[in-house]
Amino acid sequence: RGRDLPGLAEIEVIARTAEGPAPAMAGFVRGDSNCDGRATLHDAITIIDSLFLGKNTVCCWPAADANGDDSADLSDVTYLLNFNFQGKAAPPAPFPNCGRAAEGSLLCDKELCP
């Protein structure tokens, strides 16, 4: 109110990208959103806590992508529950062992494989 502030059209965004190859995807176990080495009910709860309660307890977002669709959301919670309690399909690789997945939009900033 009463101040001269720039409008959106007057703001310029300048970005720089790092040169060289992109960093390699860190290793993880798909479905293991709390990084305890297993894909269990606790991982589904961890995803819910992070998505809806703002607890930020997911240790690695690609690991939270239990169904491998390059998105961590409620469908991954359902996928984990179906896997653990209905005997449905296991998460896609890297599962059940730690490994790397194809590059995607979800990033993990720490190596989780021994």
C-alpha atoms as a PDB file:
ATOM      1  CA  ARG A   1       0.000   0.000   0.000  1.00  0.00           C
ATOM      2  CA  GLY A   2       1.330   3.345  -0.975  1.00  0.00           C
ATOM      3  CA  ARG A   3       4.745   1.936  -1.985  1.00  0.00           C
ATOM      4  CA  ASP A   4       6.200   1.650  -5.428  1.00  0.00           C
ATOM      5  CA  LEU A   5       6.984  -2.043  -5.835  1.00  0.00           C
ATOM      6  CA  PRO A   6       8.042  -3.754  -9.035  1.00  0.00           C
ATOM      7  CA  GLY A   7       5.347  -5.570 -10.934  1.00  0.00           C
ATOM      8  CA  LEU A   8       5.872  -9.105 -12.157  1.00  0.00           C
ATOM      9  CA  ALA A   9       6.764  -7.825 -15.597  1.00  0.00           C
ATOM     10  CA  GLU A  10       9.621  -5.802 -14.087  1.00  0.00           C
ATOM     11  CA  ILE A  11      11.367  -8.700 -12.344  1.00  0.00           C
ATOM     12  CA  GLU A  12      14.197 -10.386 -14.207  1.00  0.00           C
ATOM     13  CA  VAL A  13      15.440 -13.822 -13.184  1.00  0.00           C
ATOM     14  CA  ILE A  14      18.993 -14.730 -14.057  1.00  0.00           C
ATOM     15  CA  ALA A  15      20.205 -18.280 -13.517  1.00  0.00           C
ATOM     16  CA  ARG A  16      23.455 -20.074 -14.091  1.00  0.00           C
ATOM     17  CA  THR A  17      23.923 -23.761 -14.593  1.00  0.00           C
ATOM     18  CA  ALA A  18      26.944 -25.685 -13.468  1.00  0.00           C
ATOM     19  CA  GLU A  19      29.144 -26.929 -16.250  1.00  0.00           C
ATOM     20  CA  GLY A  20      30.042 -30.570 -16.579  1.00  0.00           C
ATOM     21  CA  PRO A  21      28.067 -33.755 -16.213  1.00  0.00           C
ATOM     22  CA  ALA A  22      25.070 -33.953 -13.906  1.00  0.00           C
ATOM     23  CA  PRO A  23      25.767 -35.579 -10.562  1.00  0.00           C
ATOM     24  CA  ALA A  24      25.051 -39.301 -10.436  1.00  0.00           C
ATOM     25  CA  MET A  25      21.855 -40.472  -8.799  1.00  0.00           C
ATOM     26  CA  ALA A  26      22.528 -41.656  -5.258  1.00  0.00           C
ATOM     27  CA  GLY A  27      21.764 -45.269  -4.402  1.00  0.00           C
ATOM     28  CA  PHE A  28      18.606 -46.169  -2.456  1.00  0.00           C
ATOM     29  CA  VAL A  29      15.995 -48.895  -1.896  1.00  0.00           C
ATOM     30  CA  ARG A  30      12.698 -48.068  -3.612  1.00  0.00           C
ATOM     31  CA  GLY A  31       9.831 -47.853  -1.124  1.00  0.00           C
ATOM     32  CA  ASP A  32      12.176 -47.251   1.830  1.00  0.00           C
ATOM     33  CA  SER A  33      11.224 -43.634   2.535  1.00  0.00           C
ATOM     34  CA  ASN A  34      12.590 -43.677   6.099  1.00  0.00           C
ATOM     35  CA  CYS A  35      15.904 -45.307   5.074  1.00  0.00           C
ATOM     36  CA  ASP A  36      15.821 -48.251   7.453  1.00  0.00           C
ATOM     37  CA  GLY A  37      16.529 -50.712   4.623  1.00  0.00           C
ATOM     38  CA  ARG A  38      12.976 -52.081   4.264  1.00  0.00           C
ATOM     39  CA  ALA A  39       9.735 -51.077   2.525  1.00  0.00           C
ATOM     40  CA  THR A  40       7.099 -51.410   5.257  1.00  0.00           C
ATOM     41  CA  LEU A  41       4.041 -49.756   6.772  1.00  0.00           C
ATOM     42  CA  HIS A  42       6.383 -47.296   8.479  1.00  0.00           C
ATOM     43  CA  ASP A  43       7.474 -46.007   5.072  1.00  0.00           C
ATOM     44  CA  ALA A  44       3.854 -45.368   4.050  1.00  0.00           C
ATOM     45  CA  ILE A  45       3.377 -43.401   7.284  1.00  0.00           C
ATOM     46  CA  THR A  46       6.589 -41.461   6.621  1.00  0.00           C
ATOM     47  CA  ILE A  47       5.290 -40.412   3.188  1.00  0.00           C
ATOM     48  CA  ILE A  48       1.931 -39.333   4.663  1.00  0.00           C
ATOM     49  CA  ASP A  49       3.692 -37.362   7.405  1.00  0.00           C
ATOM     50  CA  SER A  50       5.832 -35.546   4.841  1.00  0.00           C
ATOM     51  CA  LEU A  51       3.093 -34.888   2.278  1.00  0.00           C
ATOM     52  CA  PHE A  52       0.249 -33.883   4.582  1.00  0.00           C
ATOM     53  CA  LEU A  53       1.706 -32.951   7.960  1.00  0.00           C
ATOM     54  CA  GLY A  54       4.832 -31.123   6.782  1.00  0.00           C
ATOM     55  CA  LYS A  55       7.135 -33.269   8.930  1.00  0.00           C
ATOM     56  CA  ASN A  56       9.789 -33.611   6.186  1.00  0.00           C
ATOM     57  CA  THR A  57      10.759 -37.088   7.404  1.00  0.00           C
ATOM     58  CA  VAL A  58      11.366 -38.661   3.982  1.00  0.00           C
ATOM     59  CA  CYS A  59      15.098 -39.327   3.829  1.00  0.00           C
ATOM     60  CA  CYS A  60      15.252 -39.686   0.027  1.00  0.00           C
ATOM     61  CA  TRP A  61      12.415 -38.743  -2.339  1.00  0.00           C
ATOM     62  CA  PRO A  62      13.253 -41.296  -5.062  1.00  0.00           C
ATOM     63  CA  ALA A  63      12.964 -43.971  -2.343  1.00  0.00           C
ATOM     64  CA  ALA A  64       9.499 -42.637  -1.473  1.00  0.00           C
ATOM     65  CA  ASP A  65       8.466 -43.174  -5.117  1.00  0.00           C
ATOM     66  CA  ALA A  66       7.398 -46.768  -4.362  1.00  0.00           C
ATOM     67  CA  ASN A  67       5.601 -47.338  -7.674  1.00  0.00           C
ATOM     68  CA  GLY A  68       8.416 -45.892  -9.807  1.00  0.00           C
ATOM     69  CA  ASP A  69       6.339 -43.271 -11.647  1.00  0.00           C
ATOM     70  CA  ASP A  70       8.836 -40.443 -10.912  1.00  0.00           C
ATOM     71  CA  SER A  71       6.473 -38.804  -8.444  1.00  0.00           C
ATOM     72  CA  ALA A  72       6.162 -39.192  -4.672  1.00  0.00           C
ATOM     73  CA  ASP A  73       2.507 -38.896  -3.737  1.00  0.00           C
ATOM     74  CA  LEU A  74      -0.462 -40.693  -2.203  1.00  0.00           C
ATOM     75  CA  SER A  75      -0.347 -43.392  -4.900  1.00  0.00           C
ATOM     76  CA  ASP A  76       2.982 -44.530  -3.419  1.00  0.00           C
ATOM     77  CA  VAL A  77       1.350 -44.946  -0.006  1.00  0.00           C
ATOM     78  CA  THR A  78      -1.351 -47.112  -1.594  1.00  0.00           C
ATOM     79  CA  TYR A  79       1.286 -49.084  -3.502  1.00  0.00           C
ATOM     80  CA  LEU A  80       3.232 -49.832  -0.301  1.00  0.00           C
ATOM     81  CA  LEU A  81       0.088 -50.843   1.587  1.00  0.00           C
ATOM     82  CA  ASN A  82      -0.979 -53.162  -1.246  1.00  0.00           C
ATOM     83  CA  PHE A  83       2.500 -54.695  -1.390  1.00  0.00           C
ATOM     84  CA  ASN A  84       2.751 -55.234   2.362  1.00  0.00           C
ATOM     85  CA  PHE A  85      -0.807 -56.330   3.148  1.00  0.00           C
ATOM     86  CA  GLN A  86      -2.392 -57.573  -0.083  1.00  0.00           C
ATOM     87  CA  GLY A  87       0.562 -59.409  -1.621  1.00  0.00           C
ATOM     88  CA  LYS A  88       0.521 -57.128  -4.678  1.00  0.00           C
ATOM     89  CA  ALA A  89       3.535 -56.299  -6.845  1.00  0.00           C
ATOM     90  CA  ALA A  90       6.832 -55.374  -5.200  1.00  0.00           C
ATOM     91  CA  PRO A  91       8.319 -51.960  -5.911  1.00  0.00           C
ATOM     92  CA  PRO A  92      10.352 -51.795  -9.139  1.00  0.00           C
ATOM     93  CA  ALA A  93      14.160 -51.697  -9.082  1.00  0.00           C
ATOM     94  CA  PRO A  94      16.080 -50.765  -7.137  1.00  0.00           C
ATOM     95  CA  PHE A  95      14.282 -53.187  -4.822  1.00  0.00           C
ATOM     96  CA  PRO A  96      14.765 -55.200  -2.609  1.00  0.00           C
ATOM     97  CA  ASN A  97      18.472 -54.395  -2.706  1.00  0.00           C
ATOM     98  CA  CYS A  98      20.068 -50.985  -2.711  1.00  0.00           C
ATOM     99  CA  GLY A  99      20.918 -49.614  -6.136  1.00  0.00           C
ATOM    100  CA  ARG A 100      20.481 -46.780  -8.565  1.00  0.00           C
ATOM    101  CA  ALA A 101      17.545 -45.884 -10.766  1.00  0.00           C
ATOM    102  CA  ALA A 102      17.338 -43.979 -14.009  1.00  0.00           C
ATOM    103  CA  GLU A 103      17.587 -40.219 -13.625  1.00  0.00           C
ATOM    104  CA  GLY A 104      14.269 -38.566 -12.901  1.00  0.00           C
ATOM    105  CA  SER A 105      12.853 -35.403 -11.429  1.00  0.00           C
ATOM    106  CA  LEU A 106      13.169 -36.665  -7.833  1.00  0.00           C
ATOM    107  CA  LEU A 107      16.609 -36.235  -6.317  1.00  0.00           C
ATOM    108  CA  CYS A 108      18.348 -37.868  -3.387  1.00  0.00           C
ATOM    109  CA  ASP A 109      21.200 -35.809  -1.986  1.00  0.00           C
ATOM    110  CA  LYS A 110      22.886 -38.562   0.001  1.00  0.00           C
ATOM    111  CA  GLU A 111      24.209 -42.003  -0.820  1.00  0.00           C
ATOM    112  CA  LEU A 112      22.172 -44.657   1.014  1.00  0.00           C
ATOM    113  CA  CYS A 113      23.882 -47.785  -0.285  1.00  0.00           C
ATOM    114  CA  PRO A 114      26.673 -49.284   1.827  1.00  0.00           C
END
